[in-house]
Amino acid sequence: MAVVKATHKFARISPTKVRPFADLIRGKTTEQAIDALKYLPNRGARMLEKVLASAIANAEDRGARNVMNLKVALARVDGGPSFKRFRPRARGMAAPIIKRMAHIHVGVEAPEL
């Protein structure tokens, strides 16, 4: 079985906001995964849905048949680089603000191409 992957690097969302949705779709068929993500009202679910659609398109481009029955073999969200900013606080102090990024990886398992 060949795993066909798609990645969204430097997504401007915290990895902790997307990881629960990656756990939700891992191991399901692509049709079940799309249905599960479609009705969730979260921005992270939208990003993961787009990466999953890209992985499906990549598998179809490589010659996989019946792409809705492919299995989601890999759904991983890694931390990316962070923007460091500072917010002024009382008595001349400053508090850090860390704007995090994520790398979203999705792989679908296709039969031998």
PDB file of N, CA and C in Angstrom:
ATOM      1  N   MET A   1       0.836  -1.187   0.000  1.00  0.00           N
ATOM      2  CA  MET A   1       0.000   0.000   0.000  1.00  0.00           C
ATOM      3  C   MET A   1       0.879   1.248   0.000  1.00  0.00           C
ATOM      4  N   ALA A   2       0.565   2.161  -0.889  1.00  0.00           N
ATOM      5  CA  ALA A   2       1.313   3.415  -0.971  1.00  0.00           C
ATOM      6  C   ALA A   2       0.540   4.514  -0.257  1.00  0.00           C
ATOM      7  N   VAL A   3       1.242   5.304   0.526  1.00  0.00           N
ATOM      8  CA  VAL A   3       0.618   6.431   1.217  1.00  0.00           C
ATOM      9  C   VAL A   3       0.863   7.687   0.396  1.00  0.00           C
ATOM     10  N   VAL A   4      -0.222   8.362   0.029  1.00  0.00           N
ATOM     11  CA  VAL A   4      -0.149   9.610  -0.741  1.00  0.00           C
ATOM     12  C   VAL A   4      -0.426  10.745   0.236  1.00  0.00           C
ATOM     13  N   LYS A   5       0.467  11.738   0.270  1.00  0.00           N
ATOM     14  CA  LYS A   5       0.417  12.768   1.308  1.00  0.00           C
ATOM     15  C   LYS A   5       0.090  14.143   0.755  1.00  0.00           C
ATOM     16  N   ALA A   6      -0.373  15.004   1.648  1.00  0.00           N
ATOM     17  CA  ALA A   6      -0.550  16.427   1.374  1.00  0.00           C
ATOM     18  C   ALA A   6      -0.212  17.168   2.663  1.00  0.00           C
ATOM     19  N   THR A   7       0.322  18.373   2.532  1.00  0.00           N
ATOM     20  CA  THR A   7       0.780  19.134   3.692  1.00  0.00           C
ATOM     21  C   THR A   7       0.400  20.595   3.555  1.00  0.00           C
ATOM     22  N   HIS A   8      -0.003  21.187   4.664  1.00  0.00           N
ATOM     23  CA  HIS A   8      -0.163  22.647   4.734  1.00  0.00           C
ATOM     24  C   HIS A   8       0.826  23.126   5.781  1.00  0.00           C
ATOM     25  N   LYS A   9       1.893  23.746   5.308  1.00  0.00           N
ATOM     26  CA  LYS A   9       2.916  24.233   6.227  1.00  0.00           C
ATOM     27  C   LYS A   9       2.642  25.684   6.590  1.00  0.00           C
ATOM     28  N   PHE A  10       3.043  26.055   7.761  1.00  0.00           N
ATOM     29  CA  PHE A  10       2.936  27.418   8.275  1.00  0.00           C
ATOM     30  C   PHE A  10       1.486  27.899   8.321  1.00  0.00           C
ATOM     31  N   ALA A  11       0.564  27.024   8.720  1.00  0.00           N
ATOM     32  CA  ALA A  11      -0.833  27.417   8.891  1.00  0.00           C
ATOM     33  C   ALA A  11      -0.929  28.324  10.109  1.00  0.00           C
ATOM     34  N   ARG A  12      -1.582  29.454   9.966  1.00  0.00           N
ATOM     35  CA  ARG A  12      -1.650  30.427  11.056  1.00  0.00           C
ATOM     36  C   ARG A  12      -2.731  30.058  12.067  1.00  0.00           C
ATOM     37  N   ILE A  13      -2.530  28.933  12.725  1.00  0.00           N
ATOM     38  CA  ILE A  13      -3.423  28.480  13.782  1.00  0.00           C
ATOM     39  C   ILE A  13      -2.585  27.637  14.737  1.00  0.00           C
ATOM     40  N   SER A  14      -2.945  27.644  15.982  1.00  0.00           N
ATOM     41  CA  SER A  14      -2.217  26.880  16.977  1.00  0.00           C
ATOM     42  C   SER A  14      -2.426  25.379  16.753  1.00  0.00           C
ATOM     43  N   PRO A  15      -1.382  24.571  16.866  1.00  0.00           N
ATOM     44  CA  PRO A  15      -1.532  23.132  16.638  1.00  0.00           C
ATOM     45  C   PRO A  15      -2.525  22.472  17.598  1.00  0.00           C
ATOM     46  N   THR A  16      -2.632  22.993  18.818  1.00  0.00           N
ATOM     47  CA  THR A  16      -3.545  22.392  19.790  1.00  0.00           C
ATOM     48  C   THR A  16      -5.004  22.560  19.389  1.00  0.00           C
ATOM     49  N   LYS A  17      -5.300  23.517  18.525  1.00  0.00           N
ATOM     50  CA  LYS A  17      -6.675  23.718  18.058  1.00  0.00           C
ATOM     51  C   LYS A  17      -7.040  22.765  16.927  1.00  0.00           C
ATOM     52  N   VAL A  18      -6.047  22.205  16.226  1.00  0.00           N
ATOM     53  CA  VAL A  18      -6.317  21.346  15.077  1.00  0.00           C
ATOM     54  C   VAL A  18      -6.165  19.867  15.427  1.00  0.00           C
ATOM     55  N   ARG A  19      -5.334  19.538  16.425  1.00  0.00           N
ATOM     56  CA  ARG A  19      -5.050  18.141  16.757  1.00  0.00           C
ATOM     57  C   ARG A  19      -6.287  17.286  17.062  1.00  0.00           C
ATOM     58  N   PRO A  20      -7.291  17.792  17.789  1.00  0.00           N
ATOM     59  CA  PRO A  20      -8.465  16.935  18.040  1.00  0.00           C
ATOM     60  C   PRO A  20      -9.164  16.486  16.763  1.00  0.00           C
ATOM     61  N   PHE A  21      -9.155  17.317  15.724  1.00  0.00           N
ATOM     62  CA  PHE A  21      -9.801  16.955  14.468  1.00  0.00           C
ATOM     63  C   PHE A  21      -8.967  15.943  13.694  1.00  0.00           C
ATOM     64  N   ALA A  22      -7.644  16.036  13.822  1.00  0.00           N
ATOM     65  CA  ALA A  22      -6.766  15.041  13.202  1.00  0.00           C
ATOM     66  C   ALA A  22      -6.999  13.675  13.858  1.00  0.00           C
ATOM     67  N   ASP A  23      -7.167  13.666  15.187  1.00  0.00           N
ATOM     68  CA  ASP A  23      -7.455  12.415  15.896  1.00  0.00           C
ATOM     69  C   ASP A  23      -8.809  11.851  15.467  1.00  0.00           C
ATOM     70  N   LEU A  24      -9.743  12.747  15.146  1.00  0.00           N
ATOM     71  CA  LEU A  24     -11.088  12.336  14.761  1.00  0.00           C
ATOM     72  C   LEU A  24     -11.106  11.575  13.435  1.00  0.00           C
ATOM     73  N   ILE A  25     -10.289  12.005  12.464  1.00  0.00           N
ATOM     74  CA  ILE A  25     -10.370  11.403  11.128  1.00  0.00           C
ATOM     75  C   ILE A  25      -9.371  10.272  10.907  1.00  0.00           C
ATOM     76  N   ARG A  26      -8.386  10.127  11.771  1.00  0.00           N
ATOM     77  CA  ARG A  26      -7.359   9.104  11.567  1.00  0.00           C
ATOM     78  C   ARG A  26      -7.973   7.714  11.579  1.00  0.00           C
ATOM     79  N   GLY A  27      -7.683   6.920  10.527  1.00  0.00           N
ATOM     80  CA  GLY A  27      -8.172   5.555  10.444  1.00  0.00           C
ATOM     81  C   GLY A  27      -9.497   5.391   9.725  1.00  0.00           C
ATOM     82  N   LYS A  28     -10.182   6.497   9.430  1.00  0.00           N
ATOM     83  CA  LYS A  28     -11.471   6.415   8.738  1.00  0.00           C
ATOM     84  C   LYS A  28     -11.269   6.415   7.232  1.00  0.00           C
ATOM     85  N   THR A  29     -12.325   6.079   6.506  1.00  0.00           N
ATOM     86  CA  THR A  29     -12.258   6.223   5.050  1.00  0.00           C
ATOM     87  C   THR A  29     -12.363   7.706   4.727  1.00  0.00           C
ATOM     88  N   THR A  30     -11.946   8.073   3.514  1.00  0.00           N
ATOM     89  CA  THR A  30     -11.959   9.493   3.157  1.00  0.00           C
ATOM     90  C   THR A  30     -13.374  10.050   3.133  1.00  0.00           C
ATOM     91  N   GLU A  31     -14.334   9.249   2.744  1.00  0.00           N
ATOM     92  CA  GLU A  31     -15.728   9.714   2.725  1.00  0.00           C
ATOM     93  C   GLU A  31     -16.224   9.996   4.140  1.00  0.00           C
ATOM     94  N   GLN A  32     -15.934   9.104   5.080  1.00  0.00           N
ATOM     95  CA  GLN A  32     -16.328   9.312   6.473  1.00  0.00           C
ATOM     96  C   GLN A  32     -15.617  10.524   7.066  1.00  0.00           C
ATOM     97  N   ALA A  33     -14.339  10.698   6.715  1.00  0.00           N
ATOM     98  CA  ALA A  33     -13.563  11.821   7.242  1.00  0.00           C
ATOM     99  C   ALA A  33     -14.114  13.149   6.739  1.00  0.00           C
ATOM    100  N   ILE A  34     -14.453  13.227   5.449  1.00  0.00           N
ATOM    101  CA  ILE A  34     -15.014  14.461   4.901  1.00  0.00           C
ATOM    102  C   ILE A  34     -16.352  14.765   5.554  1.00  0.00           C
ATOM    103  N   ASP A  35     -17.185  13.735   5.738  1.00  0.00           N
ATOM    104  CA  ASP A  35     -18.479  13.948   6.389  1.00  0.00           C
ATOM    105  C   ASP A  35     -18.304  14.392   7.836  1.00  0.00           C
ATOM    106  N   ALA A  36     -17.315  13.844   8.531  1.00  0.00           N
ATOM    107  CA  ALA A  36     -17.091  14.220   9.923  1.00  0.00           C
ATOM    108  C   ALA A  36     -16.623  15.667  10.038  1.00  0.00           C
ATOM    109  N   LEU A  37     -15.771  16.114   9.129  1.00  0.00           N
ATOM    110  CA  LEU A  37     -15.234  17.473   9.200  1.00  0.00           C
ATOM    111  C   LEU A  37     -16.197  18.522   8.655  1.00  0.00           C
ATOM    112  N   LYS A  38     -17.047  18.115   7.730  1.00  0.00           N
ATOM    113  CA  LYS A  38     -17.918  19.070   7.032  1.00  0.00           C
ATOM    114  C   LYS A  38     -18.837  19.834   7.977  1.00  0.00           C
ATOM    115  N   TYR A  39     -19.334  19.173   9.011  1.00  0.00           N
ATOM    116  CA  TYR A  39     -20.342  19.771   9.881  1.00  0.00           C
ATOM    117  C   TYR A  39     -19.782  20.349  11.177  1.00  0.00           C
ATOM    118  N   LEU A  40     -18.475  20.402  11.297  1.00  0.00           N
ATOM    119  CA  LEU A  40     -17.865  21.011  12.482  1.00  0.00           C
ATOM    120  C   LEU A  40     -17.659  22.510  12.236  1.00  0.00           C
ATOM    121  N   PRO A  41     -18.066  23.357  13.175  1.00  0.00           N
ATOM    122  CA  PRO A  41     -18.000  24.808  12.949  1.00  0.00           C
ATOM    123  C   PRO A  41     -16.668  25.433  13.365  1.00  0.00           C
ATOM    124  N   ASN A  42     -15.552  24.763  13.144  1.00  0.00           N
ATOM    125  CA  ASN A  42     -14.263  25.260  13.598  1.00  0.00           C
ATOM    126  C   ASN A  42     -13.349  25.582  12.425  1.00  0.00           C
ATOM    127  N   ARG A  43     -12.523  26.596  12.606  1.00  0.00           N
ATOM    128  CA  ARG A  43     -11.565  26.999  11.575  1.00  0.00           C
ATOM    129  C   ARG A  43     -10.525  25.909  11.335  1.00  0.00           C
ATOM    130  N   GLY A  44     -10.118  25.232  12.378  1.00  0.00           N
ATOM    131  CA  GLY A  44      -9.156  24.147  12.246  1.00  0.00           C
ATOM    132  C   GLY A  44      -9.711  22.995  11.426  1.00  0.00           C
ATOM    133  N   ALA A  45     -11.002  22.733  11.565  1.00  0.00           N
ATOM    134  CA  ALA A  45     -11.640  21.674  10.775  1.00  0.00           C
ATOM    135  C   ALA A  45     -11.643  22.055   9.297  1.00  0.00           C
ATOM    136  N   ARG A  46     -11.838  23.335   8.988  1.00  0.00           N
ATOM    137  CA  ARG A  46     -11.808  23.780   7.589  1.00  0.00           C
ATOM    138  C   ARG A  46     -10.420  23.570   6.990  1.00  0.00           C
ATOM    139  N   MET A  47      -9.383  23.919   7.735  1.00  0.00           N
ATOM    140  CA  MET A  47      -8.015  23.757   7.233  1.00  0.00           C
ATOM    141  C   MET A  47      -7.701  22.286   6.998  1.00  0.00           C
ATOM    142  N   LEU A  48      -8.073  21.439   7.947  1.00  0.00           N
ATOM    143  CA  LEU A  48      -7.811  20.003   7.817  1.00  0.00           C
ATOM    144  C   LEU A  48      -8.604  19.414   6.662  1.00  0.00           C
ATOM    145  N   GLU A  49      -9.821  19.922   6.454  1.00  0.00           N
ATOM    146  CA  GLU A  49     -10.651  19.447   5.347  1.00  0.00           C
ATOM    147  C   GLU A  49      -9.997  19.766   3.998  1.00  0.00           C
ATOM    148  N   LYS A  50      -9.403  20.941   3.890  1.00  0.00           N
ATOM    149  CA  LYS A  50      -8.738  21.326   2.643  1.00  0.00           C
ATOM    150  C   LYS A  50      -7.500  20.473   2.385  1.00  0.00           C
ATOM    151  N   VAL A  51      -6.744  20.175   3.428  1.00  0.00           N
ATOM    152  CA  VAL A  51      -5.556  19.335   3.263  1.00  0.00           C
ATOM    153  C   VAL A  51      -5.968  17.910   2.889  1.00  0.00           C
ATOM    154  N   LEU A  52      -7.049  17.425   3.483  1.00  0.00           N
ATOM    155  CA  LEU A  52      -7.560  16.095   3.135  1.00  0.00           C
ATOM    156  C   LEU A  52      -8.016  16.056   1.675  1.00  0.00           C
ATOM    157  N   ALA A  53      -8.692  17.102   1.228  1.00  0.00           N
ATOM    158  CA  ALA A  53      -9.122  17.178  -0.177  1.00  0.00           C
ATOM    159  C   ALA A  53      -7.917  17.183  -1.106  1.00  0.00           C
ATOM    160  N   SER A  54      -6.842  17.848  -0.702  1.00  0.00           N
ATOM    161  CA  SER A  54      -5.620  17.875  -1.505  1.00  0.00           C
ATOM    162  C   SER A  54      -4.978  16.494  -1.570  1.00  0.00           C
ATOM    163  N   ALA A  55      -4.977  15.770  -0.451  1.00  0.00           N
ATOM    164  CA  ALA A  55      -4.413  14.417  -0.436  1.00  0.00           C
ATOM    165  C   ALA A  55      -5.229  13.477  -1.332  1.00  0.00           C
ATOM    166  N   ILE A  56      -6.547  13.638  -1.322  1.00  0.00           N
ATOM    167  CA  ILE A  56      -7.413  12.828  -2.182  1.00  0.00           C
ATOM    168  C   ILE A  56      -7.126  13.133  -3.644  1.00  0.00           C
ATOM    169  N   ALA A  57      -6.973  14.416  -3.968  1.00  0.00           N
ATOM    170  CA  ALA A  57      -6.669  14.816  -5.342  1.00  0.00           C
ATOM    171  C   ALA A  57      -5.299  14.288  -5.773  1.00  0.00           C
ATOM    172  N   ASN A  58      -4.331  14.291  -4.851  1.00  0.00           N
ATOM    173  CA  ASN A  58      -3.008  13.751  -5.165  1.00  0.00           C
ATOM    174  C   ASN A  58      -3.088  12.254  -5.459  1.00  0.00           C
ATOM    175  N   ALA A  59      -3.902  11.527  -4.682  1.00  0.00           N
ATOM    176  CA  ALA A  59      -4.063  10.091  -4.907  1.00  0.00           C
ATOM    177  C   ALA A  59      -4.740   9.833  -6.252  1.00  0.00           C
ATOM    178  N   GLU A  60      -5.727  10.653  -6.567  1.00  0.00           N
ATOM    179  CA  GLU A  60      -6.426  10.495  -7.845  1.00  0.00           C
ATOM    180  C   GLU A  60      -5.488  10.793  -9.006  1.00  0.00           C
ATOM    181  N   ASP A  61      -4.625  11.780  -8.824  1.00  0.00           N
ATOM    182  CA  ASP A  61      -3.657  12.143  -9.854  1.00  0.00           C
ATOM    183  C   ASP A  61      -2.648  11.020 -10.092  1.00  0.00           C
ATOM    184  N   ARG A  62      -2.350  10.290  -9.037  1.00  0.00           N
ATOM    185  CA  ARG A  62      -1.404   9.169  -9.161  1.00  0.00           C
ATOM    186  C   ARG A  62      -2.058   7.897  -9.659  1.00  0.00           C
ATOM    187  N   GLY A  63      -3.366   7.947  -9.944  1.00  0.00           N
ATOM    188  CA  GLY A  63      -4.029   6.806 -10.561  1.00  0.00           C
ATOM    189  C   GLY A  63      -4.852   5.945  -9.635  1.00  0.00           C
ATOM    190  N   ALA A  64      -5.133   6.408  -8.410  1.00  0.00           N
ATOM    191  CA  ALA A  64      -5.953   5.610  -7.499  1.00  0.00           C
ATOM    192  C   ALA A  64      -7.407   5.636  -7.959  1.00  0.00           C
ATOM    193  N   ARG A  65      -8.047   4.489  -7.881  1.00  0.00           N
ATOM    194  CA  ARG A  65      -9.461   4.402  -8.251  1.00  0.00           C
ATOM    195  C   ARG A  65     -10.312   4.410  -6.991  1.00  0.00           C
ATOM    196  N   ASN A  66     -11.550   4.857  -7.127  1.00  0.00           N
ATOM    197  CA  ASN A  66     -12.513   4.884  -6.025  1.00  0.00           C
ATOM    198  C   ASN A  66     -11.929   5.629  -4.818  1.00  0.00           C
ATOM    199  N   VAL A  67     -11.625   6.908  -5.012  1.00  0.00           N
ATOM    200  CA  VAL A  67     -10.909   7.693  -4.006  1.00  0.00           C
ATOM    201  C   VAL A  67     -11.701   7.905  -2.719  1.00  0.00           C
ATOM    202  N   MET A  68     -13.024   7.722  -2.740  1.00  0.00           N
ATOM    203  CA  MET A  68     -13.813   7.914  -1.516  1.00  0.00           C
ATOM    204  C   MET A  68     -13.679   6.743  -0.548  1.00  0.00           C
ATOM    205  N   ASN A  69     -13.105   5.627  -0.999  1.00  0.00           N
ATOM    206  CA  ASN A  69     -12.904   4.490  -0.105  1.00  0.00           C
ATOM    207  C   ASN A  69     -11.463   4.347   0.354  1.00  0.00           C
ATOM    208  N   LEU A  70     -10.632   5.319   0.062  1.00  0.00           N
ATOM    209  CA  LEU A  70      -9.264   5.298   0.576  1.00  0.00           C
ATOM    210  C   LEU A  70      -9.294   5.504   2.087  1.00  0.00           C
ATOM    211  N   LYS A  71      -8.274   5.033   2.768  1.00  0.00           N
ATOM    212  CA  LYS A  71      -8.208   5.131   4.221  1.00  0.00           C
ATOM    213  C   LYS A  71      -7.251   6.248   4.616  1.00  0.00           C
ATOM    214  N   VAL A  72      -7.617   7.030   5.625  1.00  0.00           N
ATOM    215  CA  VAL A  72      -6.739   8.083   6.140  1.00  0.00           C
ATOM    216  C   VAL A  72      -5.706   7.408   7.036  1.00  0.00           C
ATOM    217  N   ALA A  73      -4.499   7.243   6.503  1.00  0.00           N
ATOM    218  CA  ALA A  73      -3.453   6.527   7.233  1.00  0.00           C
ATOM    219  C   ALA A  73      -2.652   7.451   8.138  1.00  0.00           C
ATOM    220  N   LEU A  74      -2.570   8.720   7.753  1.00  0.00           N
ATOM    221  CA  LEU A  74      -1.724   9.669   8.480  1.00  0.00           C
ATOM    222  C   LEU A  74      -2.495  10.961   8.656  1.00  0.00           C
ATOM    223  N   ALA A  75      -2.652  11.405   9.877  1.00  0.00           N
ATOM    224  CA  ALA A  75      -3.236  12.716  10.167  1.00  0.00           C
ATOM    225  C   ALA A  75      -2.451  13.265  11.345  1.00  0.00           C
ATOM    226  N   ARG A  76      -1.562  14.199  11.065  1.00  0.00           N
ATOM    227  CA  ARG A  76      -0.632  14.685  12.081  1.00  0.00           C
ATOM    228  C   ARG A  76      -0.570  16.200  12.026  1.00  0.00           C
ATOM    229  N   VAL A  77      -0.495  16.828  13.187  1.00  0.00           N
ATOM    230  CA  VAL A  77      -0.357  18.284  13.265  1.00  0.00           C
ATOM    231  C   VAL A  77       0.865  18.580  14.118  1.00  0.00           C
ATOM    232  N   ASP A  78       1.875  19.171  13.503  1.00  0.00           N
ATOM    233  CA  ASP A  78       3.110  19.520  14.196  1.00  0.00           C
ATOM    234  C   ASP A  78       3.154  21.016  14.435  1.00  0.00           C
ATOM    235  N   GLY A  79       3.914  21.410  15.418  1.00  0.00           N
ATOM    236  CA  GLY A  79       4.107  22.830  15.682  1.00  0.00           C
ATOM    237  C   GLY A  79       5.089  23.423  14.696  1.00  0.00           C
ATOM    238  N   GLY A  80       4.818  24.630  14.272  1.00  0.00           N
ATOM    239  CA  GLY A  80       5.713  25.346  13.377  1.00  0.00           C
ATOM    240  C   GLY A  80       6.417  26.448  14.139  1.00  0.00           C
ATOM    241  N   PRO A  81       6.983  27.399  13.431  1.00  0.00           N
ATOM    242  CA  PRO A  81       7.618  28.527  14.109  1.00  0.00           C
ATOM    243  C   PRO A  81       6.580  29.442  14.749  1.00  0.00           C
ATOM    244  N   SER A  82       7.040  30.295  15.637  1.00  0.00           N
ATOM    245  CA  SER A  82       6.137  31.207  16.346  1.00  0.00           C
ATOM    246  C   SER A  82       6.552  32.649  16.125  1.00  0.00           C
ATOM    247  N   PHE A  83       5.557  33.513  16.053  1.00  0.00           N
ATOM    248  CA  PHE A  83       5.827  34.955  16.071  1.00  0.00           C
ATOM    249  C   PHE A  83       5.864  35.359  17.531  1.00  0.00           C
ATOM    250  N   LYS A  84       6.884  36.115  17.919  1.00  0.00           N
ATOM    251  CA  LYS A  84       6.943  36.605  19.279  1.00  0.00           C
ATOM    252  C   LYS A  84       6.637  38.092  19.282  1.00  0.00           C
ATOM    253  N   ARG A  85       5.631  38.479  20.040  1.00  0.00           N
ATOM    254  CA  ARG A  85       5.215  39.873  20.152  1.00  0.00           C
ATOM    255  C   ARG A  85       5.141  40.225  21.633  1.00  0.00           C
ATOM    256  N   PHE A  86       5.091  41.511  21.937  1.00  0.00           N
ATOM    257  CA  PHE A  86       5.005  41.943  23.330  1.00  0.00           C
ATOM    258  C   PHE A  86       3.873  42.936  23.491  1.00  0.00           C
ATOM    259  N   ARG A  87       3.172  42.814  24.618  1.00  0.00           N
ATOM    260  CA  ARG A  87       2.062  43.701  24.938  1.00  0.00           C
ATOM    261  C   ARG A  87       2.459  44.508  26.168  1.00  0.00           C
ATOM    262  N   PRO A  88       2.254  45.821  26.126  1.00  0.00           N
ATOM    263  CA  PRO A  88       2.594  46.630  27.294  1.00  0.00           C
ATOM    264  C   PRO A  88       1.696  46.302  28.490  1.00  0.00           C
ATOM    265  N   ARG A  89       2.295  46.289  29.675  1.00  0.00           N
ATOM    266  CA  ARG A  89       1.566  46.008  30.901  1.00  0.00           C
ATOM    267  C   ARG A  89       1.817  47.118  31.906  1.00  0.00           C
ATOM    268  N   ALA A  90       1.292  46.957  33.083  1.00  0.00           N
ATOM    269  CA  ALA A  90       1.375  47.976  34.119  1.00  0.00           C
ATOM    270  C   ALA A  90       2.816  48.211  34.555  1.00  0.00           C
ATOM    271  N   ARG A  91       3.098  49.419  35.001  1.00  0.00           N
ATOM    272  CA  ARG A  91       4.389  49.836  35.561  1.00  0.00           C
ATOM    273  C   ARG A  91       5.552  49.606  34.605  1.00  0.00           C
ATOM    274  N   GLY A  92       5.320  49.827  33.308  1.00  0.00           N
ATOM    275  CA  GLY A  92       6.396  49.772  32.328  1.00  0.00           C
ATOM    276  C   GLY A  92       6.865  48.379  31.959  1.00  0.00           C
ATOM    277  N   MET A  93       6.145  47.358  32.370  1.00  0.00           N
ATOM    278  CA  MET A  93       6.543  46.000  32.046  1.00  0.00           C
ATOM    279  C   MET A  93       5.950  45.583  30.690  1.00  0.00           C
ATOM    280  N   ALA A  94       6.342  44.415  30.242  1.00  0.00           N
ATOM    281  CA  ALA A  94       5.823  43.884  28.977  1.00  0.00           C
ATOM    282  C   ALA A  94       5.504  42.413  29.164  1.00  0.00           C
ATOM    283  N   ALA A  95       4.434  41.972  28.509  1.00  0.00           N
ATOM    284  CA  ALA A  95       4.045  40.558  28.568  1.00  0.00           C
ATOM    285  C   ALA A  95       4.177  39.977  27.171  1.00  0.00           C
ATOM    286  N   PRO A  96       4.766  38.787  27.062  1.00  0.00           N
ATOM    287  CA  PRO A  96       4.929  38.194  25.726  1.00  0.00           C
ATOM    288  C   PRO A  96       3.614  37.656  25.168  1.00  0.00           C
ATOM    289  N   ILE A  97       3.477  37.763  23.859  1.00  0.00           N
ATOM    290  CA  ILE A  97       2.384  37.124  23.129  1.00  0.00           C
ATOM    291  C   ILE A  97       3.058  36.211  22.110  1.00  0.00           C
ATOM    292  N   ILE A  98       2.683  34.953  22.108  1.00  0.00           N
ATOM    293  CA  ILE A  98       3.288  34.002  21.174  1.00  0.00           C
ATOM    294  C   ILE A  98       2.215  33.575  20.187  1.00  0.00           C
ATOM    295  N   LYS A  99       2.376  33.944  18.926  1.00  0.00           N
ATOM    296  CA  LYS A  99       1.428  33.587  17.873  1.00  0.00           C
ATOM    297  C   LYS A  99       1.976  32.339  17.189  1.00  0.00           C
ATOM    298  N   ARG A 100       1.325  31.222  17.411  1.00  0.00           N
ATOM    299  CA  ARG A 100       1.838  29.935  16.961  1.00  0.00           C
ATOM    300  C   ARG A 100       1.382  29.597  15.545  1.00  0.00           C
ATOM    301  N   MET A 101       2.177  28.721  14.888  1.00  0.00           N
ATOM    302  CA  MET A 101       1.841  28.202  13.570  1.00  0.00           C
ATOM    303  C   MET A 101       1.853  26.678  13.630  1.00  0.00           C
ATOM    304  N   ALA A 102       1.216  26.063  12.645  1.00  0.00           N
ATOM    305  CA  ALA A 102       1.127  24.604  12.614  1.00  0.00           C
ATOM    306  C   ALA A 102       1.489  24.091  11.233  1.00  0.00           C
ATOM    307  N   HIS A 103       2.010  22.868  11.203  1.00  0.00           N
ATOM    308  CA  HIS A 103       2.206  22.133   9.957  1.00  0.00           C
ATOM    309  C   HIS A 103       1.198  20.980   9.994  1.00  0.00           C
ATOM    310  N   ILE A 104       0.273  20.956   9.020  1.00  0.00           N
ATOM    311  CA  ILE A 104      -0.780  19.942   8.982  1.00  0.00           C
ATOM    312  C   ILE A 104      -0.430  18.928   7.904  1.00  0.00           C
ATOM    313  N   HIS A 105      -0.319  17.651   8.287  1.00  0.00           N
ATOM    314  CA  HIS A 105       0.037  16.572   7.350  1.00  0.00           C
ATOM    315  C   HIS A 105      -1.108  15.553   7.309  1.00  0.00           C
ATOM    316  N   VAL A 106      -1.531  15.206   6.099  1.00  0.00           N
ATOM    317  CA  VAL A 106      -2.554  14.174   5.913  1.00  0.00           C
ATOM    318  C   VAL A 106      -2.052  13.210   4.832  1.00  0.00           C
ATOM    319  N   GLY A 107      -2.183  11.922   5.101  1.00  0.00           N
ATOM    320  CA  GLY A 107      -1.809  10.904   4.127  1.00  0.00           C
ATOM    321  C   GLY A 107      -2.923   9.885   3.973  1.00  0.00           C
ATOM    322  N   VAL A 108      -3.256   9.569   2.737  1.00  0.00           N
ATOM    323  CA  VAL A 108      -4.270   8.541   2.476  1.00  0.00           C
ATOM    324  C   VAL A 108      -3.589   7.312   1.906  1.00  0.00           C
ATOM    325  N   GLU A 109      -4.085   6.172   2.319  1.00  0.00           N
ATOM    326  CA  GLU A 109      -3.490   4.905   1.908  1.00  0.00           C
ATOM    327  C   GLU A 109      -4.192   4.420   0.644  1.00  0.00           C
ATOM    328  N   ALA A 110      -3.430   4.300  -0.409  1.00  0.00           N
ATOM    329  CA  ALA A 110      -3.974   3.858  -1.687  1.00  0.00           C
ATOM    330  C   ALA A 110      -3.418   2.481  -2.009  1.00  0.00           C
ATOM    331  N   PRO A 111      -4.193   1.660  -2.724  1.00  0.00           N
ATOM    332  CA  PRO A 111      -3.629   0.387  -3.177  1.00  0.00           C
ATOM    333  C   PRO A 111      -2.461   0.645  -4.121  1.00  0.00           C
ATOM    334  N   GLU A 112      -1.644  -0.351  -4.322  1.00  0.00           N
ATOM    335  CA  GLU A 112      -0.455  -0.173  -5.168  1.00  0.00           C
ATOM    336  C   GLU A 112      -0.825   0.445  -6.508  1.00  0.00           C
ATOM    337  N   LEU A 113      -0.145   1.537  -6.835  1.00  0.00           N
ATOM    338  CA  LEU A 113      -0.462   2.286  -8.059  1.00  0.00           C
ATOM    339  C   LEU A 113       0.291   1.752  -9.245  1.00  0.00           C
TER     340      LEU A 113
END
